[in-house]
């Protein structure tokens, strides 16, 4: 199978902006998602029949969105930032 290059090379000012904005967004969505999930389940003490499904789904969605944004942010690189596979060395 042929390796697919998934890195996006951008200038350093754009790289810094992308990293700062996406990391901040990811942190806020993850924390917000866990807060909503925690409030929907009353710190995981409510029985399953009393859990608020709307807050739970919104919380889980925020957690997933934050994770996806952070994962896609790792594709951005600048000139000189190359990842080498140690198995190929």
C-alpha atoms as a PDB file:
ATOM      1  CA  UNK A   1       0.000   0.000   0.000  1.00  0.00           C
ATOM      2  CA  UNK A   2       1.195   3.468  -0.819  1.00  0.00           C
ATOM      3  CA  UNK A   3       1.666   5.885   2.085  1.00  0.00           C
ATOM      4  CA  UNK A   4      -0.576   8.940   1.976  1.00  0.00           C
ATOM      5  CA  UNK A   5       0.976  12.265   2.930  1.00  0.00           C
ATOM      6  CA  UNK A   6      -1.521  13.863   5.290  1.00  0.00           C
ATOM      7  CA  UNK A   7       0.549  16.835   6.381  1.00  0.00           C
ATOM      8  CA  UNK A   8      -0.460  20.347   5.367  1.00  0.00           C
ATOM      9  CA  UNK A   9       2.506  22.716   5.092  1.00  0.00           C
ATOM     10  CA  UNK A  10       1.623  26.317   6.014  1.00  0.00           C
ATOM     11  CA  UNK A  11       3.624  29.473   6.828  1.00  0.00           C
ATOM     12  CA  UNK A  12       4.646  29.897  10.486  1.00  0.00           C
ATOM     13  CA  UNK A  13       2.269  32.824  11.299  1.00  0.00           C
ATOM     14  CA  UNK A  14      -0.683  30.820   9.994  1.00  0.00           C
ATOM     15  CA  UNK A  15       0.528  27.730  11.860  1.00  0.00           C
ATOM     16  CA  UNK A  16       0.663  29.643  15.133  1.00  0.00           C
ATOM     17  CA  UNK A  17      -2.834  31.037  14.603  1.00  0.00           C
ATOM     18  CA  UNK A  18      -4.258  27.625  13.734  1.00  0.00           C
ATOM     19  CA  UNK A  19      -2.670  25.968  16.764  1.00  0.00           C
ATOM     20  CA  UNK A  20      -3.767  28.649  19.241  1.00  0.00           C
ATOM     21  CA  UNK A  21      -7.339  28.958  17.990  1.00  0.00           C
ATOM     22  CA  UNK A  22      -7.984  25.238  17.548  1.00  0.00           C
ATOM     23  CA  UNK A  23      -6.417  24.277  20.877  1.00  0.00           C
ATOM     24  CA  UNK A  24      -8.442  26.928  22.703  1.00  0.00           C
ATOM     25  CA  UNK A  25     -11.618  25.789  20.938  1.00  0.00           C
ATOM     26  CA  UNK A  26     -10.875  22.150  21.770  1.00  0.00           C
ATOM     27  CA  UNK A  27     -10.256  22.893  25.442  1.00  0.00           C
ATOM     28  CA  UNK A  28     -13.479  24.874  25.802  1.00  0.00           C
ATOM     29  CA  UNK A  29     -15.598  22.281  23.998  1.00  0.00           C
ATOM     30  CA  UNK A  30     -14.116  19.395  25.970  1.00  0.00           C
ATOM     31  CA  UNK A  31     -14.573  21.120  29.322  1.00  0.00           C
ATOM     32  CA  UNK A  32     -18.060  22.298  28.354  1.00  0.00           C
ATOM     33  CA  UNK A  33     -18.985  18.808  27.212  1.00  0.00           C
ATOM     34  CA  UNK A  34     -17.838  17.242  30.452  1.00  0.00           C
ATOM     35  CA  UNK A  35     -19.666  19.907  32.486  1.00  0.00           C
ATOM     36  CA  UNK A  36     -22.901  19.234  30.580  1.00  0.00           C
ATOM     37  CA  UNK A  37     -22.475  15.485  30.901  1.00  0.00           C
ATOM     38  CA  UNK A  38     -21.740  15.855  34.599  1.00  0.00           C
ATOM     39  CA  UNK A  39     -24.805  18.019  35.193  1.00  0.00           C
ATOM     40  CA  UNK A  40     -27.023  15.683  33.171  1.00  0.00           C
ATOM     41  CA  UNK A  41     -26.009  12.687  35.274  1.00  0.00           C
ATOM     42  CA  UNK A  42     -25.618  14.522  38.626  1.00  0.00           C
ATOM     43  CA  UNK A  43     -22.005  13.338  38.930  1.00  0.00           C
ATOM     44  CA  UNK A  44     -22.994   9.867  37.738  1.00  0.00           C
ATOM     45  CA  UNK A  45     -25.308   9.310  40.697  1.00  0.00           C
ATOM     46  CA  UNK A  46     -28.681   9.484  38.916  1.00  0.00           C
ATOM     47  CA  UNK A  47     -30.343   6.269  37.870  1.00  0.00           C
ATOM     48  CA  UNK A  48     -30.454   5.679  34.124  1.00  0.00           C
ATOM     49  CA  UNK A  49     -34.154   6.528  33.936  1.00  0.00           C
ATOM     50  CA  UNK A  50     -33.588  10.029  35.396  1.00  0.00           C
ATOM     51  CA  UNK A  51     -30.674  11.140  33.209  1.00  0.00           C
ATOM     52  CA  UNK A  52     -31.421  14.158  31.008  1.00  0.00           C
ATOM     53  CA  UNK A  53     -30.880  12.797  27.472  1.00  0.00           C
ATOM     54  CA  UNK A  54     -30.637  16.216  25.790  1.00  0.00           C
ATOM     55  CA  UNK A  55     -27.802  17.470  28.006  1.00  0.00           C
ATOM     56  CA  UNK A  56     -26.089  14.094  27.753  1.00  0.00           C
ATOM     57  CA  UNK A  57     -26.164  14.096  23.952  1.00  0.00           C
ATOM     58  CA  UNK A  58     -25.022  17.714  23.742  1.00  0.00           C
ATOM     59  CA  UNK A  59     -22.195  16.990  26.191  1.00  0.00           C
ATOM     60  CA  UNK A  60     -21.046  13.911  24.294  1.00  0.00           C
ATOM     61  CA  UNK A  61     -21.264  15.828  21.006  1.00  0.00           C
ATOM     62  CA  UNK A  62     -19.121  18.651  22.372  1.00  0.00           C
ATOM     63  CA  UNK A  63     -16.535  16.155  23.585  1.00  0.00           C
ATOM     64  CA  UNK A  64     -16.453  14.500  20.155  1.00  0.00           C
ATOM     65  CA  UNK A  65     -16.218  17.833  18.311  1.00  0.00           C
ATOM     66  CA  UNK A  66     -13.332  19.008  20.501  1.00  0.00           C
ATOM     67  CA  UNK A  67     -11.493  15.757  19.957  1.00  0.00           C
ATOM     68  CA  UNK A  68     -11.968  15.832  16.185  1.00  0.00           C
ATOM     69  CA  UNK A  69     -10.811  19.450  15.896  1.00  0.00           C
ATOM     70  CA  UNK A  70      -7.688  18.719  17.918  1.00  0.00           C
ATOM     71  CA  UNK A  71      -6.926  15.588  15.909  1.00  0.00           C
ATOM     72  CA  UNK A  72      -7.182  17.401  12.582  1.00  0.00           C
ATOM     73  CA  UNK A  73      -5.041  20.258  13.878  1.00  0.00           C
ATOM     74  CA  UNK A  74      -2.095  17.902  14.237  1.00  0.00           C
ATOM     75  CA  UNK A  75      -1.898  17.658  10.431  1.00  0.00           C
ATOM     76  CA  UNK A  76      -0.631  21.230  10.077  1.00  0.00           C
ATOM     77  CA  UNK A  77       3.136  21.665   9.890  1.00  0.00           C
ATOM     78  CA  UNK A  78       5.559  24.413   8.879  1.00  0.00           C
ATOM     79  CA  UNK A  79       8.651  24.173   6.742  1.00  0.00           C
ATOM     80  CA  UNK A  80      11.289  22.240   8.621  1.00  0.00           C
ATOM     81  CA  UNK A  81       8.806  20.265  10.717  1.00  0.00           C
ATOM     82  CA  UNK A  82       9.013  16.771   9.345  1.00  0.00           C
ATOM     83  CA  UNK A  83       8.027  13.602  11.061  1.00  0.00           C
ATOM     84  CA  UNK A  84      10.245  10.643  10.392  1.00  0.00           C
ATOM     85  CA  UNK A  85       9.209   7.117  11.000  1.00  0.00           C
ATOM     86  CA  UNK A  86      11.794   5.426  13.224  1.00  0.00           C
ATOM     87  CA  UNK A  87      11.030   2.058  11.636  1.00  0.00           C
ATOM     88  CA  UNK A  88      12.343   3.294   8.293  1.00  0.00           C
ATOM     89  CA  UNK A  89      15.668   4.539   9.698  1.00  0.00           C
END
